[in-house]
Amino acid sequence: MPPDYLTVRELAELLRIKERKVYDLAASGDVPVSRATGKLLFPRREIEAWIASASTGGAPAPAAPRPAICLGSHDPLLEWALRQSRCGLASFFDGSLDGLDRFCAGEGMAAGLHLHDVQSGDWNVAQVAGRCADQNAVLVAWARRTRGLVMRPDLADAVTGIADLTGRVIVPRPAETGTQALFVELATKAGLKLSTARQTDTAPSETDAVMAVADGHGDVTFGLQSLAAQHGLAFVPVIEERFDLLVDRRAWFEPPMQRLMTFCQSDSFKTHAGQMAGYDVAECGSVRWNA
């Protein structure tokens, strides 16, 4: 399978231009580009559409139908709703930043995000507005979630905040997740040096991170209150976050998204959400940002 993203060298070879010209195109905004991990990466699908547009004198190429996939960050309530509603959406949860990149590349109908903006203190809107102004997209609320320190019950009296984690074994999430980005931000403010902290291998999902603590592989993780309660672990609340869904506007009216959002108005969904500690779904479905 061809790679989803092209490097500077690969794009230069594709366009038969010098690498310096590729940097110029990226700096001017003339070519679709992602700056993940500080490197320039070019989404293949958007590049192909850009080339097709140029070859037709600037007329936009018809947008390919988005696959029925929900991308982005893992959320236990969303995962349950996708199954319970039988909406037909598959899931590929590999982090908020990964989901945002893949959404912009047309790889899914929706992406779950919880990205904190340090300057405004808000969630998701700044990042989405900066990346999706040219996308036919809308950001809708999903849930507010209480996040904090999930830890072994015997540590409940010893750990009251992030500053108390020195010497503890931390279960981290991957760098491209909203969870890890937020934890790094808060740890820096608390004076905790993660570069020298004892950490396990990264956990791919919210559930995996909490399970690692429950199974004794780590002392603490930066996780959700609902999962801490589910597994009988101690919990120290740190922050309330927003988890939103970035949705392609055309896909919103397709059967998969309509089935999901209709199910979210049902008593079954509201009852289940009400049983999950730290969840507030009062704003579910409300529009937070429009392209």
Protein backbone atom coordinates (compact mmCIF):
# COMPACT_ATOMS: atom_id res chain seq x y z
CA MET A 1 0.00 0.00 0.00
CA PRO A 2 1.32 3.50 -0.78
CA PRO A 3 2.03 5.66 2.28
CA ASP A 4 -0.73 8.00 3.52
CA TYR A 5 1.76 10.86 3.74
CA LEU A 6 4.67 11.95 1.52
CA THR A 7 7.97 13.35 2.76
CA VAL A 8 9.61 16.43 1.24
CA ARG A 9 11.86 14.23 -0.90
CA GLU A 10 8.97 12.02 -2.08
CA LEU A 11 6.87 15.02 -3.07
CA ALA A 12 9.81 16.60 -4.88
CA GLU A 13 10.30 13.39 -6.85
CA LEU A 14 6.58 13.18 -7.64
CA LEU A 15 6.44 16.77 -8.91
CA ARG A 16 9.93 16.60 -10.47
CA ILE A 17 11.06 19.72 -8.67
CA LYS A 18 13.84 20.53 -6.22
CA GLU A 19 13.27 19.98 -2.50
CA ARG A 20 13.82 23.72 -1.91
CA LYS A 21 10.76 24.42 -4.07
CA VAL A 22 8.70 22.03 -1.95
CA TYR A 23 9.61 24.04 1.17
CA ASP A 24 8.59 27.23 -0.65
CA LEU A 25 5.22 25.72 -1.61
CA ALA A 26 4.59 24.61 1.97
CA ALA A 27 5.55 28.00 3.43
CA SER A 28 3.23 29.84 1.04
CA GLY A 29 0.31 27.52 1.74
CA ASP A 30 0.03 26.57 -1.92
CA VAL A 31 0.25 22.85 -1.19
CA PRO A 32 -1.62 20.75 1.45
CA VAL A 33 0.77 20.06 4.34
CA SER A 34 0.80 18.75 7.90
CA ARG A 35 3.49 19.70 10.39
CA ALA A 36 3.15 16.70 12.70
CA THR A 37 6.13 16.07 15.00
CA GLY A 38 7.86 19.14 13.59
CA LYS A 39 8.31 17.59 10.15
CA LEU A 40 6.60 18.48 6.90
CA LEU A 41 4.29 15.68 5.76
CA PHE A 42 2.02 15.89 2.74
CA PRO A 43 -1.29 13.95 2.79
CA ARG A 44 -1.33 11.84 -0.35
CA ARG A 45 -5.07 12.18 -1.07
CA GLU A 46 -5.02 15.96 -0.77
CA ILE A 47 -1.88 16.15 -2.95
CA GLU A 48 -3.55 14.05 -5.64
CA ALA A 49 -6.62 16.33 -5.53
CA TRP A 50 -4.36 19.40 -5.66
CA ILE A 51 -2.56 18.05 -8.73
CA ALA A 52 -5.90 17.18 -10.38
CA SER A 53 -7.20 20.68 -9.67
CA ALA A 54 -4.12 22.25 -11.24
CA SER A 55 -4.41 20.04 -14.31
CA THR A 56 -8.00 21.21 -14.90
CA GLY A 57 -7.14 24.88 -14.72
CA GLY A 58 -7.98 25.30 -11.04
CA ALA A 59 -11.39 23.64 -11.07
CA PRO A 60 -11.78 21.67 -7.85
CA ALA A 61 -11.66 17.91 -8.29
CA PRO A 62 -14.78 16.10 -7.12
CA ALA A 63 -14.43 15.05 -3.50
CA ALA A 64 -14.15 11.29 -3.04
CA PRO A 65 -16.78 9.77 -0.73
CA ARG A 66 -15.48 9.48 2.80
CA PRO A 67 -15.29 5.95 4.23
CA ALA A 68 -17.69 5.18 7.09
CA ILE A 69 -15.01 5.39 9.78
CA CYS A 70 -14.87 7.32 13.05
CA LEU A 71 -11.31 8.50 13.63
CA GLY A 72 -9.48 10.29 16.40
CA SER A 73 -9.40 9.84 20.13
CA HIS A 74 -10.77 6.89 22.04
CA ASP A 75 -13.83 7.58 24.19
CA PRO A 76 -15.54 4.71 26.06
CA LEU A 77 -19.02 6.21 25.63
CA LEU A 78 -18.50 6.81 21.90
CA GLU A 79 -17.13 3.31 21.42
CA TRP A 80 -20.22 1.87 23.15
CA ALA A 81 -22.62 4.08 21.16
CA LEU A 82 -21.07 3.05 17.83
CA ARG A 83 -21.75 -0.60 18.67
CA GLN A 84 -25.09 -0.19 20.40
CA SER A 85 -26.61 2.04 17.71
CA ARG A 86 -25.56 -0.37 14.91
CA CYS A 87 -24.92 2.73 12.85
CA GLY A 88 -22.41 1.09 10.53
CA LEU A 89 -19.47 3.32 11.45
CA ALA A 90 -16.19 1.48 11.98
CA SER A 91 -13.62 2.98 14.35
CA PHE A 92 -9.93 3.77 14.10
CA PHE A 93 -8.96 5.41 17.37
CA ASP A 94 -5.31 6.47 17.32
CA GLY A 95 -5.33 9.86 19.03
CA SER A 96 -6.77 13.33 18.48
CA LEU A 97 -3.90 14.66 16.38
CA ASP A 98 -3.79 11.55 14.23
CA GLY A 99 -7.56 11.78 13.79
CA LEU A 100 -7.40 15.43 12.77
CA ASP A 101 -4.73 14.67 10.16
CA ARG A 102 -6.67 11.71 8.77
CA PHE A 103 -9.94 13.66 8.71
CA CYS A 104 -8.32 16.43 6.68
CA ALA A 105 -7.04 13.74 4.30
CA GLY A 106 -10.60 12.44 3.81
CA GLU A 107 -10.04 9.13 5.58
CA GLY A 108 -13.20 9.14 7.70
CA MET A 109 -16.61 10.72 8.27
CA ALA A 110 -15.88 11.94 11.78
CA ALA A 111 -13.07 12.36 14.31
CA GLY A 112 -13.26 12.51 18.09
CA LEU A 113 -11.10 15.28 19.55
CA HIS A 114 -10.09 16.64 22.95
CA LEU A 115 -7.33 19.13 22.20
CA HIS A 116 -6.65 21.84 24.76
CA ASP A 117 -5.67 25.31 23.59
CA VAL A 118 -3.34 26.88 26.14
CA GLN A 119 -3.98 30.49 25.10
CA SER A 120 -7.78 30.45 25.15
CA GLY A 121 -8.29 27.62 27.63
CA ASP A 122 -10.92 26.21 25.25
CA TRP A 123 -11.03 22.81 23.61
CA ASN A 124 -10.76 21.80 19.95
CA VAL A 125 -12.07 24.97 18.29
CA ALA A 126 -8.70 26.70 17.78
CA GLN A 127 -7.04 23.59 16.32
CA VAL A 128 -10.00 22.76 14.08
CA ALA A 129 -10.38 26.33 12.84
CA GLY A 130 -6.69 26.43 11.98
CA ARG A 131 -6.75 23.17 10.05
CA CYS A 132 -10.26 22.85 8.64
CA ALA A 133 -11.23 26.29 7.33
CA ASP A 134 -11.29 24.85 3.81
CA GLN A 135 -13.07 21.65 4.82
CA ASN A 136 -16.82 21.14 4.54
CA ALA A 137 -16.92 20.33 8.24
CA VAL A 138 -18.70 21.05 11.50
CA LEU A 139 -17.60 20.52 15.11
CA VAL A 140 -20.34 19.23 17.41
CA ALA A 141 -20.28 18.58 21.14
CA TRP A 142 -20.17 15.01 22.38
CA ALA A 143 -19.50 15.09 26.14
CA ARG A 144 -17.73 16.80 29.00
CA ARG A 145 -15.46 14.37 30.86
CA THR A 146 -13.65 14.53 34.19
CA ARG A 147 -10.00 13.56 33.81
CA GLY A 148 -7.40 13.09 36.52
CA LEU A 149 -5.00 10.68 38.19
CA VAL A 150 -6.12 7.05 38.13
CA MET A 151 -4.01 5.05 40.55
CA ARG A 152 -3.71 2.05 42.82
CA PRO A 153 -6.07 2.31 45.82
CA ASP A 154 -3.17 2.23 48.30
CA LEU A 155 -1.83 5.50 46.85
CA ALA A 156 -5.02 7.47 47.56
CA ASP A 157 -3.58 9.25 50.61
CA ALA A 158 -0.07 9.74 49.21
CA VAL A 159 -0.98 11.30 45.85
CA THR A 160 -3.18 14.40 45.78
CA GLY A 161 -1.93 15.99 42.55
CA ILE A 162 0.49 15.74 39.64
CA ALA A 163 3.36 17.14 41.71
CA ASP A 164 3.19 14.02 43.93
CA LEU A 165 4.00 11.65 41.06
CA THR A 166 7.79 11.84 41.45
CA GLY A 167 9.10 8.32 41.82
CA ARG A 168 5.83 6.70 40.74
CA VAL A 169 5.57 4.48 37.66
CA ILE A 170 3.44 6.36 35.11
CA VAL A 171 1.51 4.71 32.28
CA PRO A 172 1.69 7.25 29.40
CA ARG A 173 -0.39 7.57 26.24
CA PRO A 174 1.11 8.06 22.76
CA ALA A 175 2.45 11.54 21.98
CA GLU A 176 -0.17 12.17 19.28
CA THR A 177 -3.07 11.80 21.71
CA GLY A 178 -4.86 14.73 23.32
CA THR A 179 -4.46 13.00 26.69
CA GLN A 180 -0.67 12.94 26.55
CA ALA A 181 -0.41 16.48 25.18
CA LEU A 182 -2.54 17.75 28.08
CA PHE A 183 -0.62 15.70 30.64
CA VAL A 184 2.69 17.10 29.41
CA GLU A 185 1.27 20.62 29.68
CA LEU A 186 -0.01 20.10 33.23
CA ALA A 187 3.08 18.20 34.36
CA THR A 188 5.28 21.07 33.22
CA LYS A 189 3.18 23.53 35.22
CA ALA A 190 3.41 21.26 38.27
CA GLY A 191 7.19 20.96 38.00
CA LEU A 192 7.16 17.23 37.19
CA LYS A 193 9.98 16.30 34.80
CA LEU A 194 8.57 13.60 32.57
CA SER A 195 11.93 13.21 30.82
CA THR A 196 13.34 11.61 33.96
CA ALA A 197 10.13 10.03 35.30
CA ARG A 198 9.65 6.27 35.47
CA GLN A 199 7.25 5.31 32.66
CA THR A 200 5.94 2.13 31.09
CA ASP A 201 5.34 1.54 27.40
CA THR A 202 2.55 3.70 25.98
CA ALA A 203 -1.05 2.47 26.25
CA PRO A 204 -2.99 2.69 22.96
CA SER A 205 -6.40 3.55 24.47
CA GLU A 206 -8.00 5.07 27.56
CA THR A 207 -9.11 1.60 28.65
CA ASP A 208 -5.68 0.05 28.08
CA ALA A 209 -4.02 2.73 30.23
CA VAL A 210 -6.36 2.12 33.17
CA MET A 211 -6.11 -1.65 32.76
CA ALA A 212 -2.31 -1.38 33.01
CA VAL A 213 -2.71 0.23 36.43
CA ALA A 214 -5.37 -2.28 37.51
CA ASP A 215 -3.07 -5.15 36.50
CA GLY A 216 -0.15 -3.73 38.46
CA HIS A 217 2.04 -2.73 35.51
CA GLY A 218 2.09 0.90 36.63
CA ASP A 219 1.17 3.06 39.61
CA VAL A 220 -0.82 5.80 37.91
CA THR A 221 -2.15 7.08 34.59
CA PHE A 222 -3.78 10.32 33.48
CA GLY A 223 -7.21 8.89 32.76
CA LEU A 224 -10.97 9.18 32.99
CA GLN A 225 -13.01 9.08 36.18
CA SER A 226 -15.50 6.67 34.60
CA LEU A 227 -12.83 4.03 33.98
CA ALA A 228 -11.30 4.49 37.42
CA ALA A 229 -14.70 3.79 39.00
CA GLN A 230 -15.30 0.82 36.69
CA HIS A 231 -12.05 -0.85 37.77
CA GLY A 232 -12.18 0.06 41.47
CA LEU A 233 -9.14 2.36 41.35
CA ALA A 234 -8.45 5.57 43.27
CA PHE A 235 -9.05 8.84 41.45
CA VAL A 236 -7.94 12.46 41.90
CA PRO A 237 -9.82 14.89 39.62
CA VAL A 238 -7.60 17.35 37.75
CA ILE A 239 -9.61 18.89 34.90
CA GLU A 240 -12.94 18.80 33.07
CA GLU A 241 -12.41 18.48 29.34
CA ARG A 242 -14.55 18.68 26.23
CA PHE A 243 -14.71 15.76 23.83
CA ASP A 244 -16.16 16.87 20.47
CA LEU A 245 -16.84 15.26 17.11
CA LEU A 246 -15.48 16.81 13.92
CA VAL A 247 -17.90 15.70 11.19
CA ASP A 248 -17.93 16.08 7.43
CA ARG A 249 -21.07 18.11 6.68
CA ARG A 250 -22.11 15.91 3.77
CA ALA A 251 -21.52 12.75 5.81
CA TRP A 252 -23.70 14.19 8.60
CA PHE A 253 -26.75 13.48 6.45
CA GLU A 254 -25.65 9.97 5.50
CA PRO A 255 -27.32 6.99 7.28
CA PRO A 256 -24.36 6.07 9.56
CA MET A 257 -24.09 9.51 11.18
CA GLN A 258 -27.86 9.96 11.30
CA ARG A 259 -28.33 6.61 13.07
CA LEU A 260 -25.63 7.46 15.59
CA MET A 261 -26.95 10.93 16.42
CA THR A 262 -30.57 9.71 16.56
CA PHE A 263 -29.50 7.01 19.01
CA CYS A 264 -27.82 9.70 21.14
CA GLN A 265 -31.26 11.23 21.75
CA SER A 266 -32.63 7.94 23.10
CA ASP A 267 -33.32 7.06 26.73
CA SER A 268 -30.91 4.13 26.38
CA PHE A 269 -28.01 6.45 25.55
CA LYS A 270 -28.86 8.97 28.26
CA THR A 271 -29.22 6.26 30.89
CA HIS A 272 -25.92 4.65 30.00
CA ALA A 273 -24.11 8.01 29.97
CA GLY A 274 -25.65 8.86 33.34
CA GLN A 275 -24.16 5.70 34.81
CA MET A 276 -20.65 6.68 33.74
CA ALA A 277 -18.89 8.71 36.43
CA GLY A 278 -17.62 12.10 35.31
CA TYR A 279 -19.68 12.35 32.10
CA ASP A 280 -22.01 15.19 31.12
CA VAL A 281 -23.83 14.80 27.78
CA ALA A 282 -26.28 17.71 28.14
CA GLU A 283 -24.76 19.48 25.09
CA CYS A 284 -24.41 16.37 22.90
CA GLY A 285 -25.07 17.27 19.25
CA SER A 286 -24.89 21.04 19.64
CA VAL A 287 -22.76 22.92 17.10
CA ARG A 288 -19.52 24.39 18.42
CA TRP A 289 -17.87 25.48 15.14
CA ASN A 290 -18.76 25.66 11.44
CA ALA A 291 -16.34 25.82 8.51
